[in-house]
Protein backbone atom coordinates (compact mmCIF):
# COMPACT_ATOMS: atom_id res chain seq x y z
CA MET A 1 -5.20 12.85 -23.59
CA HIS A 2 -3.44 16.33 -23.79
CA SER A 3 -1.24 15.19 -20.75
CA ALA A 4 -0.09 11.88 -22.66
CA ILE A 5 1.34 13.80 -25.24
CA THR A 6 2.58 16.94 -22.93
CA ASN A 7 3.81 14.96 -20.12
CA LEU A 8 4.26 10.93 -20.85
CA ALA A 9 6.04 10.36 -17.64
CA ALA A 10 3.18 11.66 -15.52
CA PHE A 11 0.64 10.06 -17.57
CA ALA A 12 2.30 6.67 -17.08
CA ARG A 13 2.59 7.28 -13.45
CA ASN A 14 -1.35 8.03 -12.73
CA ARG A 15 -2.24 5.38 -14.67
CA PHE A 16 0.07 2.41 -14.34
CA THR A 17 1.29 3.00 -11.22
CA GLY A 18 -0.80 2.39 -7.82
CA GLY A 19 -0.79 1.44 -4.19
CA ILE A 20 -3.39 -0.70 -2.11
CA GLY A 21 -5.61 2.28 -0.78
CA ALA A 22 -4.07 2.42 2.99
CA ALA A 23 -2.28 5.39 4.71
CA LEU A 24 0.36 4.20 6.65
CA ALA A 25 2.82 5.61 9.69
CA THR A 26 5.56 4.25 11.50
CA ASP A 27 4.22 2.83 15.06
CA PRO A 28 6.32 5.31 17.48
CA ALA A 29 6.20 2.94 20.56
CA THR A 30 7.44 -0.09 18.58
CA GLY A 31 8.75 0.98 15.11
CA ALA A 32 6.21 -0.97 13.40
CA LEU A 33 4.67 -0.31 10.23
CA ARG A 34 1.17 0.64 11.07
CA ILE A 35 -2.26 0.85 8.86
CA VAL A 36 -3.67 4.56 9.95
CA LYS A 37 -6.40 4.84 7.68
CA VAL A 38 -7.69 1.97 5.13
CA LEU A 39 -9.65 4.02 2.18
CA ALA A 40 -13.04 2.82 1.66
CA GLY A 41 -13.49 0.39 -1.74
CA SER A 42 -9.97 0.20 -1.74
CA PRO A 43 -7.95 -3.09 -2.52
CA ALA A 44 -6.74 -2.96 1.13
CA GLU A 45 -10.53 -2.81 2.39
CA MET A 46 -11.26 -5.53 -0.35
CA ALA A 47 -8.70 -7.56 1.45
CA GLY A 48 -10.06 -7.42 4.92
CA LEU A 49 -7.16 -4.99 6.26
CA ARG A 50 -8.20 -2.93 9.16
CA ASP A 51 -7.00 0.66 10.53
CA GLY A 52 -4.25 -0.24 13.66
CA ASP A 53 -3.37 -3.52 11.62
CA HIS A 54 0.68 -3.94 11.57
CA ILE A 55 2.50 -4.89 8.60
CA LEU A 56 5.40 -7.25 9.45
CA GLN A 57 6.63 -8.10 5.83
CA VAL A 58 6.25 -6.78 2.26
CA ASP A 59 6.79 -9.96 -0.48
CA GLY A 60 8.60 -11.62 2.42
CA VAL A 61 10.76 -8.55 3.67
CA ALA A 62 10.94 -7.45 7.39
CA THR A 63 9.40 -4.10 7.52
CA SER A 64 11.34 -3.53 10.87
CA GLY A 65 14.60 -1.79 10.47
CA ARG A 66 13.31 0.05 7.12
CA THR A 67 12.22 3.65 7.05
CA LEU A 68 8.68 4.56 6.18
CA ALA A 69 9.50 5.53 2.72
CA GLN A 70 11.12 2.18 1.71
CA ASN A 71 8.53 0.52 3.32
CA VAL A 72 5.96 2.58 0.84
CA GLU A 73 7.93 2.23 -1.89
CA SER A 74 7.78 -1.57 -1.59
CA ILE A 75 4.14 -1.59 -1.47
CA ARG A 76 3.58 0.67 -4.43
CA GLY A 77 3.99 -0.23 -7.94
CA PHE A 78 2.55 -1.67 -11.36
CA ALA A 79 -1.16 -1.21 -10.65
CA ALA A 80 -2.14 -4.47 -12.53
CA GLY A 81 0.43 -6.50 -10.17
CA SER A 82 0.03 -7.45 -6.53
CA VAL A 83 2.06 -7.67 -3.06
CA THR A 84 1.92 -9.82 -0.44
CA LEU A 85 1.77 -8.51 3.19
CA THR A 86 2.13 -10.58 6.49
CA VAL A 87 0.02 -8.69 8.87
CA HIS A 88 -0.33 -8.35 12.70
CA ARG A 89 -3.79 -7.55 14.16
CA ALA A 90 -4.12 -7.37 17.89
CA GLY A 91 -5.40 -10.67 19.45
CA SER A 92 -4.99 -12.58 16.24
CA THR A 93 -2.38 -14.67 14.67
CA ASN A 94 -0.36 -13.23 11.36
CA LEU A 95 -2.44 -13.08 8.46
CA GLN A 96 -1.04 -13.03 4.88
CA CYS A 97 -2.78 -11.01 2.07
CA VAL A 98 -2.25 -11.00 -1.62
CA ILE A 99 -3.57 -7.60 -2.68
CA HIS A 100 -3.53 -6.51 -6.14
CA ARG A 101 -2.93 -2.60 -6.60
CA SER A 102 -5.14 -0.35 -7.97
CA SER A 103 -4.06 2.77 -10.00
CA TRP A 104 -3.81 6.14 -8.20
CA MET A 105 -6.83 7.25 -10.27
CA GLY A 106 -8.51 4.28 -9.55
CA LEU A 107 -8.29 5.17 -5.72
CA GLY A 108 -9.47 8.44 -5.99
CA VAL A 109 -5.83 9.93 -5.33
CA PRO A 110 -4.88 13.24 -6.88
CA ARG A 111 -1.39 12.70 -8.16
């Protein structure tokens, strides 16, 4: 509770901002947004995402031609909100997933 009084912005960010629980990178060969690691128990894992999947779109916006930071910020947001990802998995057709974000604290991510 002390942090809510002394640093309101950090308190709100830690409790109300979140993500899907996946580490992302730009694939050097293709420039595509790639999932490097899915955290156990995360919204990404519950949605069936896997290490190595490529994210083609975030909420209907193509990830190609955007920086890693721009794509990550598109995925992050209000912890109670959701994000729609179009994902390509090797040997599969494209998948569309609606993922409900979790707070940083819920993901076990220190902020």
